[in-house]
PDB file of N, CA and C in Angstrom:
ATOM      1  N   UNK A   1      99.542  73.326  98.704  1.00  0.00           N
ATOM      2  CA  UNK A   1      98.179  73.065  99.370  1.00  0.00           C
ATOM      3  C   UNK A   1      97.006  73.868  98.628  1.00  0.00           C
ATOM      4  N   UNK A   2      96.181  73.569  98.363  1.00  0.00           N
ATOM      5  CA  UNK A   2      94.822  74.435  97.345  1.00  0.00           C
ATOM      6  C   UNK A   2      94.343  75.546  98.637  1.00  0.00           C
ATOM      7  N   UNK A   3      93.234  76.105  97.701  1.00  0.00           N
ATOM      8  CA  UNK A   3      92.921  77.295  98.545  1.00  0.00           C
ATOM      9  C   UNK A   3      92.108  76.889  99.363  1.00  0.00           C
ATOM     10  N   UNK A   4      91.408  75.558  98.885  1.00  0.00           N
ATOM     11  CA  UNK A   4      90.652  75.038 100.536  1.00  0.00           C
ATOM     12  C   UNK A   4      91.240  74.703 102.015  1.00  0.00           C
ATOM     13  N   UNK A   5      92.341  74.224 101.277  1.00  0.00           N
ATOM     14  CA  UNK A   5      93.018  73.517 102.833  1.00  0.00           C
ATOM     15  C   UNK A   5      93.278  75.224 103.078  1.00  0.00           C
ATOM     16  N   UNK A   6      93.926  76.455 102.712  1.00  0.00           N
ATOM     17  CA  UNK A   6      94.185  77.244 103.648  1.00  0.00           C
ATOM     18  C   UNK A   6      92.842  78.042 104.224  1.00  0.00           C
ATOM     19  N   UNK A   7      91.679  77.618 103.704  1.00  0.00           N
ATOM     20  CA  UNK A   7      90.866  78.310 104.404  1.00  0.00           C
ATOM     21  C   UNK A   7      90.671  77.419 105.697  1.00  0.00           C
ATOM     22  N   UNK A   8      90.645  76.193 105.086  1.00  0.00           N
ATOM     23  CA  UNK A   8      90.215  75.030 106.458  1.00  0.00           C
ATOM     24  C   UNK A   8      91.300  75.294 107.589  1.00  0.00           C
ATOM     25  N   UNK A   9      92.836  76.032 107.369  1.00  0.00           N
ATOM     26  CA  UNK A   9      94.006  75.780 108.331  1.00  0.00           C
ATOM     27  C   UNK A   9      93.851  77.578 109.065  1.00  0.00           C
ATOM     28  N   UNK A  10      92.961  78.753 108.173  1.00  0.00           N
ATOM     29  CA  UNK A  10      92.350  79.167 109.290  1.00  0.00           C
ATOM     30  C   UNK A  10      91.627  79.141 110.133  1.00  0.00           C
ATOM     31  N   UNK A  11      90.563  78.516 109.611  1.00  0.00           N
ATOM     32  CA  UNK A  11      89.418  78.028 110.591  1.00  0.00           C
ATOM     33  C   UNK A  11      89.972  76.997 111.789  1.00  0.00           C
ATOM     34  N   UNK A  12      90.389  76.127 111.174  1.00  0.00           N
ATOM     35  CA  UNK A  12      91.089  75.589 112.476  1.00  0.00           C
ATOM     36  C   UNK A  12      91.990  75.921 113.817  1.00  0.00           C
ATOM     37  N   UNK A  13      92.632  77.008 113.363  1.00  0.00           N
ATOM     38  CA  UNK A  13      93.432  77.993 114.223  1.00  0.00           C
ATOM     39  C   UNK A  13      92.619  79.070 115.101  1.00  0.00           C
ATOM     40  N   UNK A  14      90.638  79.282 114.455  1.00  0.00           N
ATOM     41  CA  UNK A  14      90.294  79.661 115.010  1.00  0.00           C
ATOM     42  C   UNK A  14      90.635  81.251 114.536  1.00  0.00           C
ATOM     43  N   UNK A  15      90.950  81.351 113.465  1.00  0.00           N
ATOM     44  CA  UNK A  15      91.473  82.869 113.153  1.00  0.00           C
ATOM     45  C   UNK A  15      89.797  83.150 111.727  1.00  0.00           C
ATOM     46  N   UNK A  16      89.541  84.258 111.364  1.00  0.00           N
ATOM     47  CA  UNK A  16      89.257  84.841 110.650  1.00  0.00           C
ATOM     48  C   UNK A  16      89.442  84.414 109.472  1.00  0.00           C
ATOM     49  N   UNK A  17      88.966  83.384 108.144  1.00  0.00           N
ATOM     50  CA  UNK A  17      89.593  83.182 107.164  1.00  0.00           C
ATOM     51  C   UNK A  17      90.062  84.495 106.085  1.00  0.00           C
ATOM     52  N   UNK A  18      90.499  84.527 105.317  1.00  0.00           N
ATOM     53  CA  UNK A  18      90.799  85.547 103.954  1.00  0.00           C
ATOM     54  C   UNK A  18      89.771  86.213 103.440  1.00  0.00           C
ATOM     55  N   UNK A  19      89.583  87.179 103.213  1.00  0.00           N
ATOM     56  CA  UNK A  19      88.410  87.813 102.321  1.00  0.00           C
ATOM     57  C   UNK A  19      88.741  87.226 100.782  1.00  0.00           C
ATOM     58  N   UNK A  20      90.166  87.106 100.484  1.00  0.00           N
ATOM     59  CA  UNK A  20      90.017  86.152  99.296  1.00  0.00           C
ATOM     60  C   UNK A  20      91.714  85.763  99.151  1.00  0.00           C
ATOM     61  N   UNK A  21      91.975  84.997  98.319  1.00  0.00           N
ATOM     62  CA  UNK A  21      93.106  84.472  98.521  1.00  0.00           C
ATOM     63  C   UNK A  21      93.224  84.498  96.586  1.00  0.00           C
ATOM     64  N   UNK A  22      94.389  85.742  96.257  1.00  0.00           N
ATOM     65  CA  UNK A  22      95.120  85.951  95.478  1.00  0.00           C
ATOM     66  C   UNK A  22      96.534  85.074  94.560  1.00  0.00           C
ATOM     67  N   UNK A  23      96.193  84.636  93.451  1.00  0.00           N
ATOM     68  CA  UNK A  23      97.823  83.733  93.567  1.00  0.00           C
ATOM     69  C   UNK A  23      98.246  85.023  91.721  1.00  0.00           C
ATOM     70  N   UNK A  24      99.480  84.761  92.038  1.00  0.00           N
ATOM     71  CA  UNK A  24      99.518  86.052  90.844  1.00  0.00           C
ATOM     72  C   UNK A  24     100.761  86.834  90.788  1.00  0.00           C
ATOM     73  N   UNK A  25     101.211  87.580  90.071  1.00  0.00           N
ATOM     74  CA  UNK A  25     102.462  87.939  90.137  1.00  0.00           C
ATOM     75  C   UNK A  25     102.370  89.218  90.733  1.00  0.00           C
ATOM     76  N   UNK A  26     103.083  89.420  92.043  1.00  0.00           N
ATOM     77  CA  UNK A  26     102.823  90.487  92.658  1.00  0.00           C
ATOM     78  C   UNK A  26     103.021  92.332  91.955  1.00  0.00           C
ATOM     79  N   UNK A  27     104.168  91.357  91.195  1.00  0.00           N
ATOM     80  CA  UNK A  27     104.845  92.757  90.097  1.00  0.00           C
ATOM     81  C   UNK A  27     104.201  93.261  89.064  1.00  0.00           C
ATOM     82  N   UNK A  28     102.927  92.751  89.003  1.00  0.00           N
ATOM     83  CA  UNK A  28     102.042  92.840  88.311  1.00  0.00           C
ATOM     84  C   UNK A  28     100.775  93.881  88.227  1.00  0.00           C
ATOM     85  N   UNK A  29     101.008  95.026  88.177  1.00  0.00           N
ATOM     86  CA  UNK A  29      99.991  96.081  88.531  1.00  0.00           C
ATOM     87  C   UNK A  29      98.741  95.642  88.534  1.00  0.00           C
ATOM     88  N   UNK A  30      97.908  95.203  88.120  1.00  0.00           N
ATOM     89  CA  UNK A  30      96.791  94.354  87.353  1.00  0.00           C
ATOM     90  C   UNK A  30      96.507  93.644  88.861  1.00  0.00           C
ATOM     91  N   UNK A  31      97.020  92.705  88.807  1.00  0.00           N
ATOM     92  CA  UNK A  31      97.349  91.634  90.240  1.00  0.00           C
ATOM     93  C   UNK A  31      97.137  92.254  91.864  1.00  0.00           C
ATOM     94  N   UNK A  32      98.374  93.429  91.669  1.00  0.00           N
ATOM     95  CA  UNK A  32      98.088  94.699  93.017  1.00  0.00           C
ATOM     96  C   UNK A  32      96.810  95.043  92.834  1.00  0.00           C
ATOM     97  N   UNK A  33      96.340  95.908  92.346  1.00  0.00           N
ATOM     98  CA  UNK A  33      94.965  96.583  92.190  1.00  0.00           C
ATOM     99  C   UNK A  33      93.630  95.123  92.071  1.00  0.00           C
ATOM    100  N   UNK A  34      93.947  93.908  91.962  1.00  0.00           N
ATOM    101  CA  UNK A  34      92.643  93.006  91.958  1.00  0.00           C
ATOM    102  C   UNK A  34      92.829  93.103  93.463  1.00  0.00           C
ATOM    103  N   UNK A  35      94.069  93.115  94.667  1.00  0.00           N
ATOM    104  CA  UNK A  35      94.493  92.469  95.979  1.00  0.00           C
ATOM    105  C   UNK A  35      93.608  93.671  96.566  1.00  0.00           C
ATOM    106  N   UNK A  36      93.917  95.143  96.098  1.00  0.00           N
ATOM    107  CA  UNK A  36      93.502  96.259  96.685  1.00  0.00           C
ATOM    108  C   UNK A  36      92.024  96.111  96.809  1.00  0.00           C
ATOM    109  N   UNK A  37      91.320  95.826  95.677  1.00  0.00           N
ATOM    110  CA  UNK A  37      89.927  95.760  95.717  1.00  0.00           C
ATOM    111  C   UNK A  37      89.276  94.730  96.031  1.00  0.00           C
ATOM    112  N   UNK A  38      89.886  93.548  96.586  1.00  0.00           N
ATOM    113  CA  UNK A  38      89.444  92.432  97.319  1.00  0.00           C
ATOM    114  C   UNK A  38      88.719  93.349  98.964  1.00  0.00           C
ATOM    115  N   UNK A  39      90.004  93.984  99.412  1.00  0.00           N
ATOM    116  CA  UNK A  39      90.046  94.901 100.561  1.00  0.00           C
ATOM    117  C   UNK A  39      89.193  95.755 100.567  1.00  0.00           C
ATOM    118  N   UNK A  40      88.331  96.290  99.720  1.00  0.00           N
ATOM    119  CA  UNK A  40      87.760  97.711  99.282  1.00  0.00           C
ATOM    120  C   UNK A  40      88.129  98.525  98.683  1.00  0.00           C
ATOM    121  N   UNK A  41      89.982  98.358  98.375  1.00  0.00           N
ATOM    122  CA  UNK A  41      90.109  99.377  97.711  1.00  0.00           C
ATOM    123  C   UNK A  41      91.203 100.455  98.764  1.00  0.00           C
ATOM    124  N   UNK A  42      91.313  99.883  99.848  1.00  0.00           N
ATOM    125  CA  UNK A  42      92.034 100.087 100.666  1.00  0.00           C
ATOM    126  C   UNK A  42      93.663  99.542 100.951  1.00  0.00           C
ATOM    127  N   UNK A  43      94.228  99.439 101.446  1.00  0.00           N
ATOM    128  CA  UNK A  43      95.833  98.601 101.432  1.00  0.00           C
ATOM    129  C   UNK A  43      95.624  97.645 102.835  1.00  0.00           C
ATOM    130  N   UNK A  44      96.542  96.758 102.528  1.00  0.00           N
ATOM    131  CA  UNK A  44      96.893  95.931 103.806  1.00  0.00           C
ATOM    132  C   UNK A  44      97.201  96.056 105.244  1.00  0.00           C
ATOM    133  N   UNK A  45      96.957  95.778 106.010  1.00  0.00           N
ATOM    134  CA  UNK A  45      97.406  95.929 107.587  1.00  0.00           C
ATOM    135  C   UNK A  45      98.725  94.718 107.022  1.00  0.00           C
ATOM    136  N   UNK A  46      98.637  93.646 106.635  1.00  0.00           N
ATOM    137  CA  UNK A  46      99.987  92.523 106.903  1.00  0.00           C
ATOM    138  C   UNK A  46      99.836  92.104 105.241  1.00  0.00           C
ATOM    139  N   UNK A  47     100.919  91.695 104.603  1.00  0.00           N
ATOM    140  CA  UNK A  47     101.084  90.934 103.326  1.00  0.00           C
ATOM    141  C   UNK A  47     102.060  89.621 103.545  1.00  0.00           C
ATOM    142  N   UNK A  48     101.729  88.836 103.518  1.00  0.00           N
ATOM    143  CA  UNK A  48     102.383  87.662 103.699  1.00  0.00           C
ATOM    144  C   UNK A  48     102.806  86.926 102.596  1.00  0.00           C
ATOM    145  N   UNK A  49     104.554  86.895 102.115  1.00  0.00           N
ATOM    146  CA  UNK A  49     104.796  86.755 100.699  1.00  0.00           C
ATOM    147  C   UNK A  49     105.352  85.442 101.086  1.00  0.00           C
ATOM    148  N   UNK A  50     105.611  84.942 100.098  1.00  0.00           N
ATOM    149  CA  UNK A  50     107.121  83.599  99.562  1.00  0.00           C
ATOM    150  C   UNK A  50     107.508  84.253  97.906  1.00  0.00           C
ATOM    151  N   UNK A  51     108.104  84.909  97.995  1.00  0.00           N
ATOM    152  CA  UNK A  51     108.211  84.947  96.403  1.00  0.00           C
ATOM    153  C   UNK A  51     109.096  83.720  95.542  1.00  0.00           C
ATOM    154  N   UNK A  52     109.019  83.238  94.565  1.00  0.00           N
ATOM    155  CA  UNK A  52     110.004  82.671  93.622  1.00  0.00           C
ATOM    156  C   UNK A  52     111.347  82.826  93.861  1.00  0.00           C
ATOM    157  N   UNK A  53     112.087  81.753  94.346  1.00  0.00           N
ATOM    158  CA  UNK A  53     113.747  81.907  93.837  1.00  0.00           C
ATOM    159  C   UNK A  53     114.233  80.953  92.993  1.00  0.00           C
ATOM    160  N   UNK A  54     115.469  81.477  92.852  1.00  0.00           N
ATOM    161  CA  UNK A  54     116.002  80.664  91.965  1.00  0.00           C
ATOM    162  C   UNK A  54     116.785  79.865  92.876  1.00  0.00           C
ATOM    163  N   UNK A  55     117.649  79.524  92.076  1.00  0.00           N
ATOM    164  CA  UNK A  55     118.749  78.563  93.318  1.00  0.00           C
ATOM    165  C   UNK A  55     119.486  78.987  94.242  1.00  0.00           C
ATOM    166  N   UNK A  56     119.634  80.383  94.348  1.00  0.00           N
ATOM    167  CA  UNK A  56     119.997  81.751  95.408  1.00  0.00           C
ATOM    168  C   UNK A  56     119.216  82.431  94.872  1.00  0.00           C
ATOM    169  N   UNK A  57     118.114  83.092  95.840  1.00  0.00           N
ATOM    170  CA  UNK A  57     117.361  84.021  95.473  1.00  0.00           C
ATOM    171  C   UNK A  57     118.251  85.454  95.079  1.00  0.00           C
ATOM    172  N   UNK A  58     119.616  85.626  95.816  1.00  0.00           N
ATOM    173  CA  UNK A  58     120.230  86.318  95.344  1.00  0.00           C
ATOM    174  C   UNK A  58     120.573  86.607  93.504  1.00  0.00           C
ATOM    175  N   UNK A  59     120.631  85.078  93.037  1.00  0.00           N
ATOM    176  CA  UNK A  59     121.158  84.653  91.920  1.00  0.00           C
ATOM    177  C   UNK A  59     120.309  84.138  90.935  1.00  0.00           C
ATOM    178  N   UNK A  60     118.789  85.112  91.391  1.00  0.00           N
ATOM    179  CA  UNK A  60     117.425  84.270  90.163  1.00  0.00           C
ATOM    180  C   UNK A  60     117.887  85.278  89.378  1.00  0.00           C
ATOM    181  N   UNK A  61     117.408  84.591  88.211  1.00  0.00           N
ATOM    182  CA  UNK A  61     117.655  85.693  86.831  1.00  0.00           C
ATOM    183  C   UNK A  61     116.284  85.531  86.120  1.00  0.00           C
ATOM    184  N   UNK A  62     115.920  86.222  85.200  1.00  0.00           N
ATOM    185  CA  UNK A  62     114.738  86.216  84.290  1.00  0.00           C
ATOM    186  C   UNK A  62     115.084  85.457  82.737  1.00  0.00           C
ATOM    187  N   UNK A  63     114.314  85.061  82.645  1.00  0.00           N
ATOM    188  CA  UNK A  63     114.466  83.841  80.887  1.00  0.00           C
ATOM    189  C   UNK A  63     114.016  85.022  80.001  1.00  0.00           C
ATOM    190  N   UNK A  64     113.957  86.205  80.074  1.00  0.00           N
ATOM    191  CA  UNK A  64     114.024  87.344  79.343  1.00  0.00           C
ATOM    192  C   UNK A  64     115.477  87.536  78.734  1.00  0.00           C
ATOM    193  N   UNK A  65     115.549  88.231  77.509  1.00  0.00           N
ATOM    194  CA  UNK A  65     117.143  88.393  76.976  1.00  0.00           C
ATOM    195  C   UNK A  65     117.606  89.046  77.648  1.00  0.00           C
ATOM    196  N   UNK A  66     117.464  90.049  78.156  1.00  0.00           N
ATOM    197  CA  UNK A  66     118.473  91.120  79.045  1.00  0.00           C
ATOM    198  C   UNK A  66     118.440  90.458  80.291  1.00  0.00           C
ATOM    199  N   UNK A  67     119.998  90.011  81.020  1.00  0.00           N
ATOM    200  CA  UNK A  67     120.068  89.630  81.884  1.00  0.00           C
ATOM    201  C   UNK A  67     119.564  90.628  83.223  1.00  0.00           C
ATOM    202  N   UNK A  68     118.703  90.038  84.447  1.00  0.00           N
ATOM    203  CA  UNK A  68     117.664  90.470  85.407  1.00  0.00           C
ATOM    204  C   UNK A  68     118.158  89.923  86.588  1.00  0.00           C
ATOM    205  N   UNK A  69     118.913  90.172  87.147  1.00  0.00           N
ATOM    206  CA  UNK A  69     119.514  89.358  88.568  1.00  0.00           C
ATOM    207  C   UNK A  69     119.196  90.218  89.890  1.00  0.00           C
ATOM    208  N   UNK A  70     117.932  91.190  89.620  1.00  0.00           N
ATOM    209  CA  UNK A  70     117.676  91.916  90.901  1.00  0.00           C
ATOM    210  C   UNK A  70     116.810  90.559  91.597  1.00  0.00           C
ATOM    211  N   UNK A  71     117.418  90.879  92.692  1.00  0.00           N
ATOM    212  CA  UNK A  71     116.212  89.472  93.323  1.00  0.00           C
ATOM    213  C   UNK A  71     114.514  90.348  93.626  1.00  0.00           C
ATOM    214  N   UNK A  72     113.586  88.832  93.039  1.00  0.00           N
ATOM    215  CA  UNK A  72     112.538  89.488  93.497  1.00  0.00           C
ATOM    216  C   UNK A  72     111.829  89.790  93.961  1.00  0.00           C
ATOM    217  N   UNK A  73     112.242  89.847  95.393  1.00  0.00           N
ATOM    218  CA  UNK A  73     111.429  90.834  96.554  1.00  0.00           C
ATOM    219  C   UNK A  73     112.106  92.006  96.325  1.00  0.00           C
ATOM    220  N   UNK A  74     113.392  92.315  95.712  1.00  0.00           N
ATOM    221  CA  UNK A  74     113.615  94.319  95.596  1.00  0.00           C
ATOM    222  C   UNK A  74     112.779  94.116  94.729  1.00  0.00           C
ATOM    223  N   UNK A  75     112.376  93.411  93.342  1.00  0.00           N
ATOM    224  CA  UNK A  75     111.211  93.919  92.693  1.00  0.00           C
ATOM    225  C   UNK A  75     109.879  94.032  93.171  1.00  0.00           C
ATOM    226  N   UNK A  76     109.252  93.383  94.411  1.00  0.00           N
ATOM    227  CA  UNK A  76     108.461  93.628  95.114  1.00  0.00           C
ATOM    228  C   UNK A  76     108.166  94.844  95.875  1.00  0.00           C
ATOM    229  N   UNK A  77     109.721  95.313  96.344  1.00  0.00           N
ATOM    230  CA  UNK A  77     109.976  96.210  97.395  1.00  0.00           C
ATOM    231  C   UNK A  77     109.470  97.516  96.225  1.00  0.00           C
ATOM    232  N   UNK A  78     110.381  97.747  95.148  1.00  0.00           N
ATOM    233  CA  UNK A  78     109.832  98.777  94.164  1.00  0.00           C
ATOM    234  C   UNK A  78     108.895  99.264  93.623  1.00  0.00           C
ATOM    235  N   UNK A  79     108.112  97.961  93.361  1.00  0.00           N
ATOM    236  CA  UNK A  79     106.816  98.185  92.727  1.00  0.00           C
ATOM    237  C   UNK A  79     105.823  98.676  94.034  1.00  0.00           C
ATOM    238  N   UNK A  80     106.250  98.160  95.292  1.00  0.00           N
ATOM    239  CA  UNK A  80     105.284  98.868  96.328  1.00  0.00           C
ATOM    240  C   UNK A  80     105.750 100.355  96.570  1.00  0.00           C
ATOM    241  N   UNK A  81     106.827 100.209  96.256  1.00  0.00           N
ATOM    242  CA  UNK A  81     107.338 101.739  96.351  1.00  0.00           C
ATOM    243  C   UNK A  81     106.385 103.076  95.602  1.00  0.00           C
ATOM    244  N   UNK A  82     106.680 102.341  94.181  1.00  0.00           N
ATOM    245  CA  UNK A  82     105.966 103.168  93.212  1.00  0.00           C
ATOM    246  C   UNK A  82     104.411 103.047  93.310  1.00  0.00           C
ATOM    247  N   UNK A  83     103.917 102.218  93.683  1.00  0.00           N
ATOM    248  CA  UNK A  83     102.292 102.261  94.382  1.00  0.00           C
ATOM    249  C   UNK A  83     102.214 103.672  95.133  1.00  0.00           C
ATOM    250  N   UNK A  84     103.312 103.292  96.475  1.00  0.00           N
ATOM    251  CA  UNK A  84     102.970 104.506  97.534  1.00  0.00           C
ATOM    252  C   UNK A  84     103.246 105.914  96.832  1.00  0.00           C
ATOM    253  N   UNK A  85     104.237 105.760  95.691  1.00  0.00           N
ATOM    254  CA  UNK A  85     104.081 107.251  95.201  1.00  0.00           C
ATOM    255  C   UNK A  85     102.882 107.582  94.115  1.00  0.00           C
ATOM    256  N   UNK A  86     102.498 106.157  93.764  1.00  0.00           N
ATOM    257  CA  UNK A  86     100.970 106.670  93.041  1.00  0.00           C
ATOM    258  C   UNK A  86      99.911 107.203  94.227  1.00  0.00           C
ATOM    259  N   UNK A  87      99.443 107.103  95.364  1.00  0.00           N
ATOM    260  CA  UNK A  87      98.574 107.246  96.236  1.00  0.00           C
ATOM    261  C   UNK A  87      97.304 106.160  96.432  1.00  0.00           C
ATOM    262  N   UNK A  88      98.605 104.468  95.798  1.00  0.00           N
ATOM    263  CA  UNK A  88      97.737 103.592  95.923  1.00  0.00           C
ATOM    264  C   UNK A  88      98.403 102.168  96.516  1.00  0.00           C
ATOM    265  N   UNK A  89      98.728 102.665  98.239  1.00  0.00           N
ATOM    266  CA  UNK A  89      99.751 102.171  98.664  1.00  0.00           C
ATOM    267  C   UNK A  89      99.471 100.572  98.883  1.00  0.00           C
ATOM    268  N   UNK A  90      99.862  99.333  99.096  1.00  0.00           N
ATOM    269  CA  UNK A  90      99.618  98.399  99.255  1.00  0.00           C
ATOM    270  C   UNK A  90      99.226  97.664 100.196  1.00  0.00           C
ATOM    271  N   UNK A  91     100.509  98.474 101.304  1.00  0.00           N
ATOM    272  CA  UNK A  91     100.495  98.429 102.883  1.00  0.00           C
ATOM    273  C   UNK A  91      99.124  99.359 103.232  1.00  0.00           C
ATOM    274  N   UNK A  92      98.708  99.443 104.129  1.00  0.00           N
ATOM    275  CA  UNK A  92      98.055 100.630 105.703  1.00  0.00           C
ATOM    276  C   UNK A  92      99.585 101.615 106.120  1.00  0.00           C
ATOM    277  N   UNK A  93      99.572 102.747 106.713  1.00  0.00           N
ATOM    278  CA  UNK A  93     100.385 103.114 107.199  1.00  0.00           C
ATOM    279  C   UNK A  93     100.638 102.399 108.638  1.00  0.00           C
ATOM    280  N   UNK A  94     101.914 101.950 109.022  1.00  0.00           N
ATOM    281  CA  UNK A  94     102.078 100.899 110.345  1.00  0.00           C
ATOM    282  C   UNK A  94     101.879  99.518 109.676  1.00  0.00           C
ATOM    283  N   UNK A  95     101.307  99.437 108.444  1.00  0.00           N
ATOM    284  CA  UNK A  95     101.500  97.822 107.737  1.00  0.00           C
ATOM    285  C   UNK A  95     102.791  97.416 107.571  1.00  0.00           C
ATOM    286  N   UNK A  96     102.759  95.648 107.739  1.00  0.00           N
ATOM    287  CA  UNK A  96     103.215  94.438 107.726  1.00  0.00           C
ATOM    288  C   UNK A  96     103.752  94.402 106.402  1.00  0.00           C
ATOM    289  N   UNK A  97     105.013  93.760 105.922  1.00  0.00           N
ATOM    290  CA  UNK A  97     105.377  92.838 104.766  1.00  0.00           C
ATOM    291  C   UNK A  97     106.309  91.744 105.722  1.00  0.00           C
ATOM    292  N   UNK A  98     105.706  90.768 105.496  1.00  0.00           N
ATOM    293  CA  UNK A  98     106.507  89.633 106.277  1.00  0.00           C
ATOM    294  C   UNK A  98     107.011  88.710 104.868  1.00  0.00           C
ATOM    295  N   UNK A  99     107.640  88.353 104.662  1.00  0.00           N
ATOM    296  CA  UNK A  99     108.605  87.812 103.439  1.00  0.00           C
ATOM    297  C   UNK A  99     109.286  86.666 104.044  1.00  0.00           C
ATOM    298  N   UNK A 100     109.388  85.497 103.427  1.00  0.00           N
ATOM    299  CA  UNK A 100     110.631  84.423 103.678  1.00  0.00           C
ATOM    300  C   UNK A 100     111.639  84.472 102.870  1.00  0.00           C
ATOM    301  N   UNK A 101     112.958  84.830 103.257  1.00  0.00           N
ATOM    302  CA  UNK A 101     113.960  85.191 102.059  1.00  0.00           C
ATOM    303  C   UNK A 101     114.815  83.984 102.687  1.00  0.00           C
ATOM    304  N   UNK A 102     115.751  83.644 101.679  1.00  0.00           N
ATOM    305  CA  UNK A 102     116.962  82.732 101.982  1.00  0.00           C
ATOM    306  C   UNK A 102     117.777  83.692 101.981  1.00  0.00           C
ATOM    307  N   UNK A 103     118.551  83.177 103.210  1.00  0.00           N
ATOM    308  CA  UNK A 103     120.462  84.382 103.335  1.00  0.00           C
ATOM    309  C   UNK A 103     121.074  83.323 103.828  1.00  0.00           C
ATOM    310  N   UNK A 104     122.172  83.665 103.783  1.00  0.00           N
ATOM    311  CA  UNK A 104     123.365  82.975 103.914  1.00  0.00           C
ATOM    312  C   UNK A 104     123.365  84.117 105.274  1.00  0.00           C
ATOM    313  N   UNK A 105     124.380  82.771 106.513  1.00  0.00           N
ATOM    314  CA  UNK A 105     124.545  83.282 107.762  1.00  0.00           C
ATOM    315  C   UNK A 105     125.428  85.358 107.357  1.00  0.00           C
ATOM    316  N   UNK A 106     125.513  86.123 108.542  1.00  0.00           N
ATOM    317  CA  UNK A 106     125.905  87.470 108.204  1.00  0.00           C
ATOM    318  C   UNK A 106     125.036  88.547 107.061  1.00  0.00           C
ATOM    319  N   UNK A 107     124.423  87.583 106.259  1.00  0.00           N
ATOM    320  CA  UNK A 107     123.476  88.591 105.147  1.00  0.00           C
ATOM    321  C   UNK A 107     122.671  89.405 105.369  1.00  0.00           C
ATOM    322  N   UNK A 108     122.328  90.685 105.039  1.00  0.00           N
ATOM    323  CA  UNK A 108     120.504  91.257 105.329  1.00  0.00           C
ATOM    324  C   UNK A 108     120.140  91.716 104.116  1.00  0.00           C
ATOM    325  N   UNK A 109     119.330  92.475 104.336  1.00  0.00           N
ATOM    326  CA  UNK A 109     118.025  92.561 103.072  1.00  0.00           C
ATOM    327  C   UNK A 109     117.980  94.452 103.172  1.00  0.00           C
ATOM    328  N   UNK A 110     119.127  94.816 104.222  1.00  0.00           N
ATOM    329  CA  UNK A 110     118.510  96.366 104.883  1.00  0.00           C
ATOM    330  C   UNK A 110     118.608  97.580 104.052  1.00  0.00           C
ATOM    331  N   UNK A 111     119.824  96.988 103.405  1.00  0.00           N
ATOM    332  CA  UNK A 111     119.275  98.016 102.001  1.00  0.00           C
ATOM    333  C   UNK A 111     118.812  98.300 101.202  1.00  0.00           C
ATOM    334  N   UNK A 112     117.700  97.291 100.973  1.00  0.00           N
ATOM    335  CA  UNK A 112     116.394  97.598 100.041  1.00  0.00           C
ATOM    336  C   UNK A 112     115.376  97.270 101.067  1.00  0.00           C
ATOM    337  N   UNK A 113     115.265  97.786 102.332  1.00  0.00           N
ATOM    338  CA  UNK A 113     114.068  98.178 103.312  1.00  0.00           C
ATOM    339  C   UNK A 113     114.254  99.580 103.039  1.00  0.00           C
ATOM    340  N   UNK A 114     113.026  99.791 103.475  1.00  0.00           N
ATOM    341  CA  UNK A 114     112.433 101.507 103.774  1.00  0.00           C
ATOM    342  C   UNK A 114     113.149 102.072 105.436  1.00  0.00           C
ATOM    343  N   UNK A 115     114.057 103.903 105.365  1.00  0.00           N
ATOM    344  CA  UNK A 115     114.441 103.775 106.228  1.00  0.00           C
ATOM    345  C   UNK A 115     112.733 104.183 107.068  1.00  0.00           C
ATOM    346  N   UNK A 116     113.728 105.038 108.235  1.00  0.00           N
ATOM    347  CA  UNK A 116     112.131 104.974 109.640  1.00  0.00           C
ATOM    348  C   UNK A 116     111.294 106.212 108.660  1.00  0.00           C
ATOM    349  N   UNK A 117     112.395 107.488 108.383  1.00  0.00           N
ATOM    350  CA  UNK A 117     111.798 108.293 108.242  1.00  0.00           C
ATOM    351  C   UNK A 117     110.470 108.215 106.745  1.00  0.00           C
ATOM    352  N   UNK A 118     110.659 107.227 105.579  1.00  0.00           N
ATOM    353  CA  UNK A 118     109.801 107.249 104.958  1.00  0.00           C
ATOM    354  C   UNK A 118     108.569 106.248 105.097  1.00  0.00           C
ATOM    355  N   UNK A 119     108.260 106.065 106.357  1.00  0.00           N
ATOM    356  CA  UNK A 119     107.294 105.120 106.574  1.00  0.00           C
ATOM    357  C   UNK A 119     106.165 106.253 106.707  1.00  0.00           C
TER     358      UNK A 119
END
């Protein structure tokens, strides 16, 4: 799907089109800064993401020399936590992150999610 199709899909559904569509590595500080700049330097109300995965997300590894089996979504959580610590949060207070994650029956990602006290 190209960017024009995405905007058309919003319009077809009677929704306001996105201010900007950014394609890039969300682990890159520059990409996250570009995203914040697109909305006036603030955080987002909602982020919808579908990170790239290996055969199984939990077993995805990088092509770097060292083995890095940390799942991409976990890396995003840590990057967002670092942004929050630097007072440049990617999400507004009360904002939502929606991610498409492959899991097996009985699996959860609760250990990666912030607890209620950290919101």
